[in-house]
Amino acid sequence: MGGNYGSNYSSRATGPRMSFGSRNSQMQKLEALFGGKEEVRGPASRTPMSPAGGRRALEEKLSLAFKAAKEAEEKEAAKADSVPLPATEQENIKAPSAYRMRLERIKNATDEAELNAAISTFVASHELPGDIDIILKVLAHPDENIVRKGLSELVGMVERKEIGGTSLINEALEKLEKRQPGPEVRSYIDGLRAMLA
């Protein structure tokens, strides 16, 4: 019994035994307190994320948001493209090809009758272009209403200084004058001669 008494007394005197890890942690704290060493910190006291790391995370989030917005925009654009256009807008899209086709007929006419027919068809649907070669052909047309449109465009070209030489214009005006045109065409001729002088 004596042996057991001594063993129990020793256990009560010294208190519960500490594990190796607990003793090690306690020693580190004591050394930090009395020995001037820096306390060893556990995983819970790690330094916060660096500014660079936070910036990278923010950039990644913004990149994903931008990508999602772009994909949504592309889907909306594809949906809009799939919707058929109204008939009037479809005609407007086709108009430029008809314009070029009719203009080519004027340029490629091989005789006077074909040229006058091509000019009449063109003027009925389109405004005359600022092309001096086309305008000079229009001035030879037998219909004075069409000739006046050509003269009006020619006046605008002269005012905008889009005319390089004047010899061909003066020649066309002389031919037009020999046809003894009406007073409106005559006033255009006189005005253009004054502008070109």
N, C-alpha and C. Protein backbone atom coordinates (compact mmCIF):
# COMPACT_ATOMS: atom_id res chain seq x y z
N MET A 1 0.83 -1.20 0.00
CA MET A 1 0.00 0.00 0.00
C MET A 1 0.85 1.24 0.00
N GLY A 2 1.98 1.15 0.65
CA GLY A 2 2.87 2.30 0.69
C GLY A 2 3.29 2.74 -0.68
N GLY A 3 3.54 1.72 -1.52
CA GLY A 3 4.00 2.09 -2.88
C GLY A 3 2.93 2.80 -3.65
N ASN A 4 1.72 2.37 -3.51
CA ASN A 4 0.61 3.02 -4.24
C ASN A 4 0.36 4.41 -3.71
N TYR A 5 0.49 4.61 -2.39
CA TYR A 5 0.29 5.92 -1.79
C TYR A 5 1.26 6.93 -2.34
N GLY A 6 2.50 6.51 -2.47
CA GLY A 6 3.53 7.42 -2.99
C GLY A 6 3.27 7.79 -4.43
N SER A 7 2.77 6.81 -5.17
CA SER A 7 2.52 7.10 -6.59
C SER A 7 1.40 8.10 -6.74
N ASN A 8 0.33 7.94 -5.90
CA ASN A 8 -0.80 8.87 -5.99
C ASN A 8 -0.41 10.26 -5.54
N TYR A 9 0.39 10.35 -4.51
CA TYR A 9 0.83 11.63 -4.01
C TYR A 9 1.66 12.38 -5.04
N SER A 10 2.51 11.63 -5.75
CA SER A 10 3.36 12.25 -6.78
C SER A 10 2.52 12.82 -7.90
N SER A 11 1.44 12.09 -8.26
CA SER A 11 0.59 12.55 -9.35
C SER A 11 -0.16 13.80 -8.97
N ARG A 12 -0.61 13.86 -7.66
CA ARG A 12 -1.33 15.04 -7.21
C ARG A 12 -0.40 16.22 -7.07
N ALA A 13 0.83 16.02 -6.69
CA ALA A 13 1.78 17.11 -6.45
C ALA A 13 2.21 17.75 -7.77
N THR A 14 2.42 16.96 -8.74
CA THR A 14 2.95 17.52 -10.01
C THR A 14 1.86 17.98 -10.95
N GLY A 15 0.62 17.58 -10.71
CA GLY A 15 -0.49 17.97 -11.58
C GLY A 15 -0.52 17.15 -12.84
N PRO A 16 -1.46 17.37 -13.70
CA PRO A 16 -1.56 16.58 -14.94
C PRO A 16 -0.39 16.86 -15.85
N ARG A 17 0.06 15.83 -16.48
CA ARG A 17 1.21 15.94 -17.38
C ARG A 17 0.83 16.66 -18.67
N MET A 18 1.73 17.53 -19.20
CA MET A 18 1.51 18.22 -20.48
C MET A 18 2.10 17.40 -21.61
N SER A 19 1.46 17.50 -22.78
CA SER A 19 1.99 16.81 -23.96
C SER A 19 3.23 17.55 -24.45
N PHE A 20 3.96 16.89 -25.36
CA PHE A 20 5.19 17.48 -25.86
C PHE A 20 4.88 18.77 -26.63
N GLY A 21 3.78 18.74 -27.41
CA GLY A 21 3.42 19.93 -28.18
C GLY A 21 3.05 21.08 -27.29
N SER A 22 2.34 20.82 -26.19
CA SER A 22 1.96 21.88 -25.28
C SER A 22 3.17 22.49 -24.61
N ARG A 23 4.12 21.60 -24.17
CA ARG A 23 5.34 22.11 -23.53
C ARG A 23 6.15 22.96 -24.52
N ASN A 24 6.22 22.51 -25.79
CA ASN A 24 6.99 23.24 -26.79
C ASN A 24 6.39 24.62 -27.03
N SER A 25 5.05 24.68 -27.14
CA SER A 25 4.38 25.95 -27.34
C SER A 25 4.58 26.88 -26.16
N GLN A 26 4.53 26.30 -24.94
CA GLN A 26 4.72 27.10 -23.74
C GLN A 26 6.13 27.66 -23.67
N MET A 27 7.12 26.84 -24.06
CA MET A 27 8.52 27.28 -24.05
C MET A 27 8.73 28.42 -25.03
N GLN A 28 8.10 28.32 -26.20
CA GLN A 28 8.26 29.38 -27.22
C GLN A 28 7.69 30.70 -26.72
N LYS A 29 6.57 30.62 -26.01
CA LYS A 29 5.98 31.85 -25.48
C LYS A 29 6.85 32.46 -24.39
N LEU A 30 7.43 31.59 -23.54
CA LEU A 30 8.30 32.09 -22.48
C LEU A 30 9.56 32.72 -23.06
N GLU A 31 10.11 32.07 -24.12
CA GLU A 31 11.32 32.62 -24.74
C GLU A 31 11.02 33.97 -25.38
N ALA A 32 9.83 34.09 -25.98
CA ALA A 32 9.46 35.35 -26.59
C ALA A 32 9.28 36.43 -25.55
N LEU A 33 8.78 36.02 -24.38
CA LEU A 33 8.50 37.00 -23.32
C LEU A 33 9.77 37.45 -22.61
N PHE A 34 10.63 36.50 -22.30
CA PHE A 34 11.82 36.83 -21.48
C PHE A 34 13.12 36.84 -22.28
N GLY A 35 13.16 36.15 -23.40
CA GLY A 35 14.43 36.05 -24.12
C GLY A 35 14.54 37.00 -25.29
N GLY A 36 13.55 37.81 -25.54
CA GLY A 36 13.63 38.79 -26.63
C GLY A 36 13.38 38.21 -28.00
N LYS A 37 12.98 36.92 -28.08
CA LYS A 37 12.72 36.31 -29.38
C LYS A 37 11.28 36.57 -29.79
N GLU A 38 11.05 36.61 -31.10
CA GLU A 38 9.72 36.88 -31.61
C GLU A 38 8.85 35.66 -31.43
N GLU A 39 7.65 35.86 -30.94
CA GLU A 39 6.72 34.77 -30.73
C GLU A 39 6.38 34.11 -32.05
N VAL A 40 6.39 32.79 -32.04
CA VAL A 40 6.05 32.04 -33.24
C VAL A 40 4.55 32.03 -33.39
N ARG A 41 4.06 32.45 -34.52
CA ARG A 41 2.63 32.53 -34.73
C ARG A 41 2.12 31.28 -35.44
N GLY A 42 0.93 30.91 -35.07
CA GLY A 42 0.30 29.76 -35.67
C GLY A 42 -0.35 30.12 -37.00
N PRO A 43 -1.02 29.14 -37.59
CA PRO A 43 -1.65 29.37 -38.89
C PRO A 43 -2.72 30.45 -38.85
N ALA A 44 -3.39 30.65 -37.68
CA ALA A 44 -4.49 31.60 -37.60
C ALA A 44 -4.03 33.04 -37.69
N SER A 45 -2.74 33.30 -37.44
CA SER A 45 -2.24 34.68 -37.41
C SER A 45 -1.36 35.02 -38.59
N ARG A 46 -1.62 34.39 -39.75
CA ARG A 46 -0.83 34.69 -40.95
C ARG A 46 -1.17 36.07 -41.47
N THR A 47 -0.23 36.67 -42.20
CA THR A 47 -0.43 38.01 -42.74
C THR A 47 -1.52 37.99 -43.78
N PRO A 48 -2.27 39.08 -43.94
CA PRO A 48 -3.35 39.12 -44.93
C PRO A 48 -2.80 39.09 -46.35
N MET A 49 -3.72 38.91 -47.31
CA MET A 49 -3.32 38.83 -48.71
C MET A 49 -2.65 40.13 -49.15
N SER A 50 -1.60 39.98 -49.93
CA SER A 50 -0.87 41.15 -50.39
C SER A 50 -1.73 41.96 -51.35
N PRO A 51 -1.42 43.26 -51.52
CA PRO A 51 -2.20 44.08 -52.46
C PRO A 51 -2.16 43.54 -53.88
N ALA A 52 -1.00 42.98 -54.28
CA ALA A 52 -0.89 42.44 -55.63
C ALA A 52 -1.84 41.28 -55.82
N GLY A 53 -1.93 40.41 -54.82
CA GLY A 53 -2.83 39.28 -54.91
C GLY A 53 -4.28 39.72 -54.99
N GLY A 54 -4.65 40.73 -54.20
CA GLY A 54 -6.01 41.25 -54.25
C GLY A 54 -6.33 41.87 -55.59
N ARG A 55 -5.34 42.55 -56.19
CA ARG A 55 -5.54 43.18 -57.49
C ARG A 55 -5.77 42.13 -58.57
N ARG A 56 -5.00 41.04 -58.48
CA ARG A 56 -5.17 39.98 -59.47
C ARG A 56 -6.55 39.36 -59.38
N ALA A 57 -7.03 39.15 -58.17
CA ALA A 57 -8.37 38.58 -58.00
C ALA A 57 -9.44 39.50 -58.56
N LEU A 58 -9.27 40.82 -58.34
CA LEU A 58 -10.24 41.79 -58.85
C LEU A 58 -10.21 41.83 -60.37
N GLU A 59 -9.00 41.77 -60.95
CA GLU A 59 -8.88 41.78 -62.40
C GLU A 59 -9.54 40.56 -63.02
N GLU A 60 -9.40 39.40 -62.36
CA GLU A 60 -10.02 38.18 -62.86
C GLU A 60 -11.53 38.30 -62.84
N LYS A 61 -12.08 38.88 -61.76
CA LYS A 61 -13.53 39.07 -61.66
C LYS A 61 -14.04 40.02 -62.75
N LEU A 62 -13.30 41.12 -62.97
CA LEU A 62 -13.70 42.08 -63.99
C LEU A 62 -13.63 41.46 -65.39
N SER A 63 -12.59 40.63 -65.61
CA SER A 63 -12.44 39.98 -66.90
C SER A 63 -13.60 39.04 -67.18
N LEU A 64 -14.00 38.28 -66.17
CA LEU A 64 -15.13 37.36 -66.33
C LEU A 64 -16.43 38.13 -66.59
N ALA A 65 -16.62 39.26 -65.87
CA ALA A 65 -17.82 40.06 -66.05
C ALA A 65 -17.87 40.66 -67.45
N PHE A 66 -16.71 41.13 -67.93
CA PHE A 66 -16.63 41.71 -69.27
C PHE A 66 -16.93 40.65 -70.33
N LYS A 67 -16.39 39.45 -70.13
CA LYS A 67 -16.60 38.36 -71.08
C LYS A 67 -18.07 37.99 -71.15
N ALA A 68 -18.72 37.93 -69.98
CA ALA A 68 -20.15 37.59 -69.94
C ALA A 68 -20.98 38.65 -70.64
N ALA A 69 -20.66 39.94 -70.41
CA ALA A 69 -21.39 41.03 -71.06
C ALA A 69 -21.21 41.00 -72.57
N LYS A 70 -19.99 40.69 -73.02
CA LYS A 70 -19.72 40.63 -74.46
C LYS A 70 -20.49 39.50 -75.12
N GLU A 71 -20.54 38.34 -74.44
CA GLU A 71 -21.27 37.21 -74.99
C GLU A 71 -22.76 37.53 -75.09
N ALA A 72 -23.30 38.22 -74.07
CA ALA A 72 -24.71 38.60 -74.10
C ALA A 72 -24.99 39.57 -75.25
N GLU A 73 -24.06 40.51 -75.47
CA GLU A 73 -24.21 41.47 -76.56
C GLU A 73 -24.18 40.79 -77.91
N GLU A 74 -23.28 39.79 -78.07
CA GLU A 74 -23.19 39.07 -79.34
C GLU A 74 -24.46 38.26 -79.60
N LYS A 75 -25.04 37.70 -78.54
CA LYS A 75 -26.29 36.95 -78.70
C LYS A 75 -27.41 37.87 -79.16
N GLU A 76 -27.48 39.08 -78.56
CA GLU A 76 -28.51 40.04 -78.95
C GLU A 76 -28.33 40.48 -80.40
N ALA A 77 -27.07 40.68 -80.80
CA ALA A 77 -26.80 41.10 -82.18
C ALA A 77 -27.19 40.00 -83.16
N ALA A 78 -26.88 38.74 -82.81
CA ALA A 78 -27.25 37.62 -83.67
C ALA A 78 -28.76 37.50 -83.78
N LYS A 79 -29.46 37.75 -82.68
CA LYS A 79 -30.92 37.70 -82.68
C LYS A 79 -31.49 38.80 -83.58
N ALA A 80 -30.89 40.00 -83.50
CA ALA A 80 -31.36 41.12 -84.32
C ALA A 80 -31.12 40.85 -85.81
N ASP A 81 -29.97 40.21 -86.12
CA ASP A 81 -29.67 39.91 -87.52
C ASP A 81 -30.63 38.90 -88.11
N SER A 82 -31.16 38.03 -87.26
CA SER A 82 -32.06 36.99 -87.74
C SER A 82 -33.46 37.51 -88.04
N VAL A 83 -33.79 38.72 -87.55
CA VAL A 83 -35.11 39.30 -87.79
C VAL A 83 -35.14 39.89 -89.20
N PRO A 84 -36.10 39.50 -90.05
CA PRO A 84 -36.14 40.04 -91.42
C PRO A 84 -36.44 41.53 -91.43
N LEU A 85 -35.81 42.26 -92.35
CA LEU A 85 -36.03 43.70 -92.48
C LEU A 85 -37.37 43.98 -93.13
N PRO A 86 -37.97 45.14 -92.82
CA PRO A 86 -39.19 45.54 -93.53
C PRO A 86 -38.94 45.68 -95.02
N ALA A 87 -40.01 45.60 -95.80
CA ALA A 87 -39.87 45.63 -97.26
C ALA A 87 -39.21 46.91 -97.74
N THR A 88 -39.55 48.05 -97.11
CA THR A 88 -38.97 49.33 -97.54
C THR A 88 -37.46 49.36 -97.34
N GLU A 89 -36.98 48.81 -96.21
CA GLU A 89 -35.54 48.79 -95.95
C GLU A 89 -34.83 47.83 -96.89
N GLN A 90 -35.50 46.72 -97.25
CA GLN A 90 -34.90 45.80 -98.21
C GLN A 90 -34.74 46.46 -99.57
N GLU A 91 -35.71 47.28 -99.96
CA GLU A 91 -35.62 48.00 -101.23
C GLU A 91 -34.48 49.01 -101.20
N ASN A 92 -34.28 49.67 -100.04
CA ASN A 92 -33.19 50.64 -99.92
C ASN A 92 -31.83 49.97 -100.06
N ILE A 93 -31.72 48.73 -99.56
CA ILE A 93 -30.46 48.00 -99.68
C ILE A 93 -30.20 47.64 -101.14
N LYS A 94 -31.27 47.30 -101.86
CA LYS A 94 -31.12 46.92 -103.27
C LYS A 94 -30.87 48.13 -104.16
N ALA A 95 -31.28 49.33 -103.71
CA ALA A 95 -31.22 50.53 -104.54
C ALA A 95 -29.82 50.83 -105.09
N PRO A 96 -28.76 50.75 -104.26
CA PRO A 96 -27.43 51.08 -104.80
C PRO A 96 -27.03 50.21 -105.99
N SER A 97 -27.40 48.93 -106.02
CA SER A 97 -27.03 48.08 -107.15
C SER A 97 -27.80 48.52 -108.41
N ALA A 98 -29.08 48.92 -108.24
CA ALA A 98 -29.84 49.43 -109.38
C ALA A 98 -29.25 50.74 -109.88
N TYR A 99 -28.79 51.56 -108.94
CA TYR A 99 -28.16 52.84 -109.30
C TYR A 99 -26.93 52.59 -110.17
N ARG A 100 -26.07 51.69 -109.73
CA ARG A 100 -24.84 51.41 -110.49
C ARG A 100 -25.16 50.81 -111.86
N MET A 101 -26.17 49.93 -111.90
CA MET A 101 -26.52 49.29 -113.15
C MET A 101 -27.01 50.32 -114.18
N ARG A 102 -27.87 51.23 -113.73
CA ARG A 102 -28.40 52.25 -114.64
C ARG A 102 -27.32 53.24 -115.06
N LEU A 103 -26.40 53.53 -114.13
CA LEU A 103 -25.30 54.43 -114.48
C LEU A 103 -24.38 53.80 -115.52
N GLU A 104 -24.16 52.49 -115.41
CA GLU A 104 -23.32 51.79 -116.38
C GLU A 104 -23.96 51.80 -117.77
N ARG A 105 -25.28 51.78 -117.82
CA ARG A 105 -25.96 51.82 -119.12
C ARG A 105 -25.69 53.14 -119.84
N ILE A 106 -25.62 54.22 -119.06
CA ILE A 106 -25.29 55.52 -119.67
C ILE A 106 -23.87 55.50 -120.20
N LYS A 107 -22.96 54.98 -119.39
CA LYS A 107 -21.54 54.98 -119.79
C LYS A 107 -21.28 54.08 -120.99
N ASN A 108 -22.03 52.98 -121.08
CA ASN A 108 -21.75 51.98 -122.12
C ASN A 108 -22.66 52.08 -123.34
N ALA A 109 -23.49 53.14 -123.40
CA ALA A 109 -24.38 53.29 -124.56
C ALA A 109 -23.57 53.44 -125.84
N THR A 110 -24.03 52.77 -126.88
CA THR A 110 -23.26 52.76 -128.13
C THR A 110 -23.82 53.69 -129.20
N ASP A 111 -25.07 54.20 -129.00
CA ASP A 111 -25.62 55.15 -129.97
C ASP A 111 -26.49 56.16 -129.22
N GLU A 112 -26.94 57.17 -129.97
CA GLU A 112 -27.67 58.27 -129.35
C GLU A 112 -28.99 57.82 -128.75
N ALA A 113 -29.72 56.95 -129.46
CA ALA A 113 -31.02 56.49 -128.96
C ALA A 113 -30.86 55.71 -127.65
N GLU A 114 -29.87 54.84 -127.63
CA GLU A 114 -29.62 54.04 -126.41
C GLU A 114 -29.18 54.95 -125.27
N LEU A 115 -28.37 55.96 -125.58
CA LEU A 115 -27.90 56.89 -124.55
C LEU A 115 -29.05 57.69 -123.96
N ASN A 116 -29.92 58.23 -124.83
CA ASN A 116 -31.04 59.05 -124.35
C ASN A 116 -32.00 58.21 -123.50
N ALA A 117 -32.22 56.96 -123.91
CA ALA A 117 -33.11 56.09 -123.14
C ALA A 117 -32.50 55.78 -121.77
N ALA A 118 -31.20 55.54 -121.75
CA ALA A 118 -30.53 55.24 -120.47
C ALA A 118 -30.57 56.44 -119.53
N ILE A 119 -30.37 57.65 -120.09
CA ILE A 119 -30.41 58.86 -119.27
C ILE A 119 -31.81 59.08 -118.72
N SER A 120 -32.83 58.90 -119.55
CA SER A 120 -34.22 59.09 -119.11
C SER A 120 -34.57 58.14 -117.97
N THR A 121 -34.14 56.88 -118.10
CA THR A 121 -34.41 55.88 -117.06
C THR A 121 -33.70 56.24 -115.77
N PHE A 122 -32.46 56.68 -115.89
CA PHE A 122 -31.68 57.02 -114.71
C PHE A 122 -32.28 58.22 -113.97
N VAL A 123 -32.58 59.29 -114.70
CA VAL A 123 -33.07 60.53 -114.09
C VAL A 123 -34.44 60.32 -113.44
N ALA A 124 -35.21 59.38 -113.95
CA ALA A 124 -36.53 59.11 -113.39
C ALA A 124 -36.46 58.52 -111.99
N SER A 125 -35.32 57.91 -111.64
CA SER A 125 -35.20 57.22 -110.33
C SER A 125 -34.11 57.77 -109.42
N HIS A 126 -33.15 58.51 -109.99
CA HIS A 126 -31.98 58.91 -109.19
C HIS A 126 -31.59 60.36 -109.46
N GLU A 127 -30.87 60.92 -108.51
CA GLU A 127 -30.24 62.23 -108.70
C GLU A 127 -28.99 62.05 -109.55
N LEU A 128 -28.68 63.05 -110.35
CA LEU A 128 -27.48 62.97 -111.19
C LEU A 128 -26.22 63.00 -110.33
N PRO A 129 -25.21 62.22 -110.71
CA PRO A 129 -23.96 62.22 -109.94
C PRO A 129 -23.09 63.41 -110.32
N GLY A 130 -22.14 63.74 -109.46
CA GLY A 130 -21.19 64.80 -109.77
C GLY A 130 -20.06 64.28 -110.63
N ASP A 131 -20.42 63.74 -111.78
CA ASP A 131 -19.46 63.16 -112.73
C ASP A 131 -19.56 63.97 -114.01
N ILE A 132 -18.49 64.68 -114.37
CA ILE A 132 -18.53 65.59 -115.51
C ILE A 132 -18.82 64.85 -116.81
N ASP A 133 -18.35 63.62 -116.97
CA ASP A 133 -18.61 62.85 -118.20
C ASP A 133 -20.09 62.55 -118.34
N ILE A 134 -20.75 62.18 -117.24
CA ILE A 134 -22.18 61.91 -117.26
C ILE A 134 -22.96 63.19 -117.54
N ILE A 135 -22.55 64.29 -116.90
CA ILE A 135 -23.27 65.56 -117.06
C ILE A 135 -23.20 66.05 -118.51
N LEU A 136 -22.05 65.93 -119.12
CA LEU A 136 -21.91 66.38 -120.52
C LEU A 136 -22.82 65.57 -121.45
N LYS A 137 -23.01 64.29 -121.15
CA LYS A 137 -23.92 63.46 -121.95
C LYS A 137 -25.36 63.88 -121.72
N VAL A 138 -25.67 64.26 -120.48
CA VAL A 138 -27.03 64.69 -120.14
C VAL A 138 -27.38 65.99 -120.88
N LEU A 139 -26.39 66.88 -121.05
CA LEU A 139 -26.64 68.17 -121.72
C LEU A 139 -27.02 67.99 -123.19
N ALA A 140 -26.71 66.81 -123.75
CA ALA A 140 -27.07 66.54 -125.16
C ALA A 140 -28.43 65.88 -125.29
N HIS A 141 -29.12 65.66 -124.18
CA HIS A 141 -30.43 65.00 -124.22
C HIS A 141 -31.49 65.93 -124.84
N PRO A 142 -32.43 65.40 -125.61
CA PRO A 142 -33.43 66.27 -126.26
C PRO A 142 -34.47 66.86 -125.33
N ASP A 143 -34.66 66.27 -124.14
CA ASP A 143 -35.67 66.78 -123.20
C ASP A 143 -35.05 67.90 -122.35
N GLU A 144 -35.61 69.12 -122.47
CA GLU A 144 -35.04 70.26 -121.74
C GLU A 144 -35.20 70.13 -120.22
N ASN A 145 -36.20 69.42 -119.75
CA ASN A 145 -36.33 69.19 -118.31
C ASN A 145 -35.14 68.41 -117.76
N ILE A 146 -34.71 67.43 -118.54
CA ILE A 146 -33.53 66.65 -118.14
C ILE A 146 -32.27 67.49 -118.29
N VAL A 147 -32.21 68.30 -119.34
CA VAL A 147 -31.05 69.18 -119.55
C VAL A 147 -30.91 70.16 -118.39
N ARG A 148 -32.03 70.71 -117.93
CA ARG A 148 -31.97 71.65 -116.80
C ARG A 148 -31.40 70.97 -115.54
N LYS A 149 -31.74 69.71 -115.33
CA LYS A 149 -31.17 68.99 -114.18
C LYS A 149 -29.66 68.85 -114.33
N GLY A 150 -29.22 68.58 -115.54
CA GLY A 150 -27.78 68.49 -115.78
C GLY A 150 -27.08 69.82 -115.57
N LEU A 151 -27.71 70.92 -116.06
CA LEU A 151 -27.13 72.25 -115.88
C LEU A 151 -27.09 72.64 -114.40
N SER A 152 -28.12 72.29 -113.67
CA SER A 152 -28.16 72.59 -112.23
C SER A 152 -27.02 71.89 -111.49
N GLU A 153 -26.80 70.62 -111.83
CA GLU A 153 -25.69 69.89 -111.20
C GLU A 153 -24.35 70.47 -111.63
N LEU A 154 -24.25 70.89 -112.87
CA LEU A 154 -23.00 71.48 -113.36
C LEU A 154 -22.68 72.78 -112.63
N VAL A 155 -23.70 73.61 -112.38
CA VAL A 155 -23.50 74.85 -111.62
C VAL A 155 -22.94 74.54 -110.23
N GLY A 156 -23.52 73.52 -109.58
CA GLY A 156 -23.03 73.13 -108.25
C GLY A 156 -21.59 72.66 -108.28
N MET A 157 -21.22 71.91 -109.30
CA MET A 157 -19.85 71.43 -109.42
C MET A 157 -18.87 72.58 -109.62
N VAL A 158 -19.28 73.58 -110.44
CA VAL A 158 -18.41 74.75 -110.65
C VAL A 158 -18.26 75.53 -109.36
N GLU A 159 -19.35 75.70 -108.64
CA GLU A 159 -19.29 76.44 -107.36
C GLU A 159 -18.40 75.71 -106.36
N ARG A 160 -18.43 74.38 -106.36
CA ARG A 160 -17.60 73.59 -105.44
C ARG A 160 -16.18 73.41 -105.96
N LYS A 161 -15.92 73.99 -107.11
CA LYS A 161 -14.59 73.92 -107.73
C LYS A 161 -14.17 72.48 -108.00
N GLU A 162 -15.11 71.70 -108.52
CA GLU A 162 -14.84 70.31 -108.84
C GLU A 162 -14.54 70.10 -110.33
N ILE A 163 -14.44 71.20 -111.06
CA ILE A 163 -14.17 71.14 -112.50
C ILE A 163 -12.71 71.44 -112.75
N GLY A 164 -12.05 70.53 -113.47
CA GLY A 164 -10.64 70.74 -113.78
C GLY A 164 -10.46 71.69 -114.95
N GLY A 165 -10.94 71.28 -116.12
CA GLY A 165 -10.84 72.13 -117.32
C GLY A 165 -12.20 72.61 -117.75
N THR A 166 -12.21 73.66 -118.58
CA THR A 166 -13.49 74.27 -119.00
C THR A 166 -13.76 74.13 -120.50
N SER A 167 -12.81 73.63 -121.25
CA SER A 167 -12.97 73.57 -122.72
C SER A 167 -14.13 72.66 -123.12
N LEU A 168 -14.25 71.49 -122.50
CA LEU A 168 -15.34 70.57 -122.84
C LEU A 168 -16.70 71.15 -122.44
N ILE A 169 -16.72 71.88 -121.32
CA ILE A 169 -17.98 72.48 -120.87
C ILE A 169 -18.41 73.57 -121.86
N ASN A 170 -17.47 74.42 -122.23
CA ASN A 170 -17.80 75.49 -123.19
C ASN A 170 -18.28 74.91 -124.52
N GLU A 171 -17.67 73.82 -124.95
CA GLU A 171 -18.09 73.17 -126.20
C GLU A 171 -19.51 72.64 -126.07
N ALA A 172 -19.82 72.02 -124.91
CA ALA A 172 -21.17 71.48 -124.69
C ALA A 172 -22.20 72.61 -124.63
N LEU A 173 -21.83 73.76 -124.04
CA LEU A 173 -22.75 74.90 -123.96
C LEU A 173 -23.01 75.49 -125.34
N GLU A 174 -22.00 75.51 -126.21
CA GLU A 174 -22.18 76.03 -127.57
C GLU A 174 -23.14 75.14 -128.36
N LYS A 175 -23.00 73.83 -128.22
CA LYS A 175 -23.90 72.89 -128.91
C LYS A 175 -25.32 73.06 -128.40
N LEU A 176 -25.43 73.26 -127.08
CA LEU A 176 -26.75 73.44 -126.49
C LEU A 176 -27.40 74.74 -126.95
N GLU A 177 -26.59 75.76 -127.09
CA GLU A 177 -27.09 77.07 -127.52
C GLU A 177 -27.59 77.03 -128.96
N LYS A 178 -26.96 76.24 -129.81
CA LYS A 178 -27.37 76.12 -131.21
C LYS A 178 -28.74 75.47 -131.37
N ARG A 179 -29.16 74.77 -130.32
CA ARG A 179 -30.48 74.13 -130.37
C ARG A 179 -31.61 75.11 -130.06
N GLN A 180 -31.25 76.37 -129.80
CA GLN A 180 -32.21 77.42 -129.45
C GLN A 180 -33.14 76.96 -128.31
N PRO A 181 -32.55 76.79 -127.14
CA PRO A 181 -33.33 76.30 -126.00
C PRO A 181 -34.26 77.38 -125.46
N GLY A 182 -35.11 76.97 -124.49
CA GLY A 182 -36.03 77.89 -123.86
C GLY A 182 -35.30 78.84 -122.91
N PRO A 183 -36.05 79.83 -122.37
CA PRO A 183 -35.42 80.86 -121.54
C PRO A 183 -34.74 80.32 -120.27
N GLU A 184 -35.28 79.29 -119.67
CA GLU A 184 -34.66 78.75 -118.44
C GLU A 184 -33.30 78.14 -118.74
N VAL A 185 -33.24 77.35 -119.80
CA VAL A 185 -31.96 76.75 -120.19
C VAL A 185 -30.99 77.84 -120.62
N ARG A 186 -31.50 78.86 -121.32
CA ARG A 186 -30.65 79.96 -121.76
C ARG A 186 -30.04 80.70 -120.59
N SER A 187 -30.81 80.89 -119.51
CA SER A 187 -30.28 81.58 -118.33
C SER A 187 -29.19 80.76 -117.65
N TYR A 188 -29.35 79.44 -117.66
CA TYR A 188 -28.29 78.56 -117.12
C TYR A 188 -27.01 78.72 -117.94
N ILE A 189 -27.16 78.75 -119.26
CA ILE A 189 -25.98 78.87 -120.13
C ILE A 189 -25.25 80.18 -119.84
N ASP A 190 -26.00 81.26 -119.77
CA ASP A 190 -25.37 82.56 -119.50
C ASP A 190 -24.70 82.59 -118.12
N GLY A 191 -25.36 82.00 -117.13
CA GLY A 191 -24.79 81.99 -115.79
C GLY A 191 -23.51 81.18 -115.72
N LEU A 192 -23.49 80.05 -116.39
CA LEU A 192 -22.29 79.21 -116.38
C LEU A 192 -21.13 79.88 -117.13
N ARG A 193 -21.42 80.55 -118.21
CA ARG A 193 -20.36 81.24 -118.94
C ARG A 193 -19.75 82.35 -118.06
N ALA A 194 -20.58 83.02 -117.30
CA ALA A 194 -20.07 84.06 -116.41
C ALA A 194 -19.21 83.45 -115.30
N MET A 195 -19.60 82.30 -114.80
CA MET A 195 -18.84 81.64 -113.74
C MET A 195 -17.50 81.11 -114.25
N LEU A 196 -17.49 80.66 -115.49
CA LEU A 196 -16.27 80.07 -116.05
C LEU A 196 -15.33 81.11 -116.65
N ALA A 197 -15.78 82.35 -116.81
CA ALA A 197 -14.96 83.39 -117.44
C ALA A 197 -13.78 83.76 -116.54
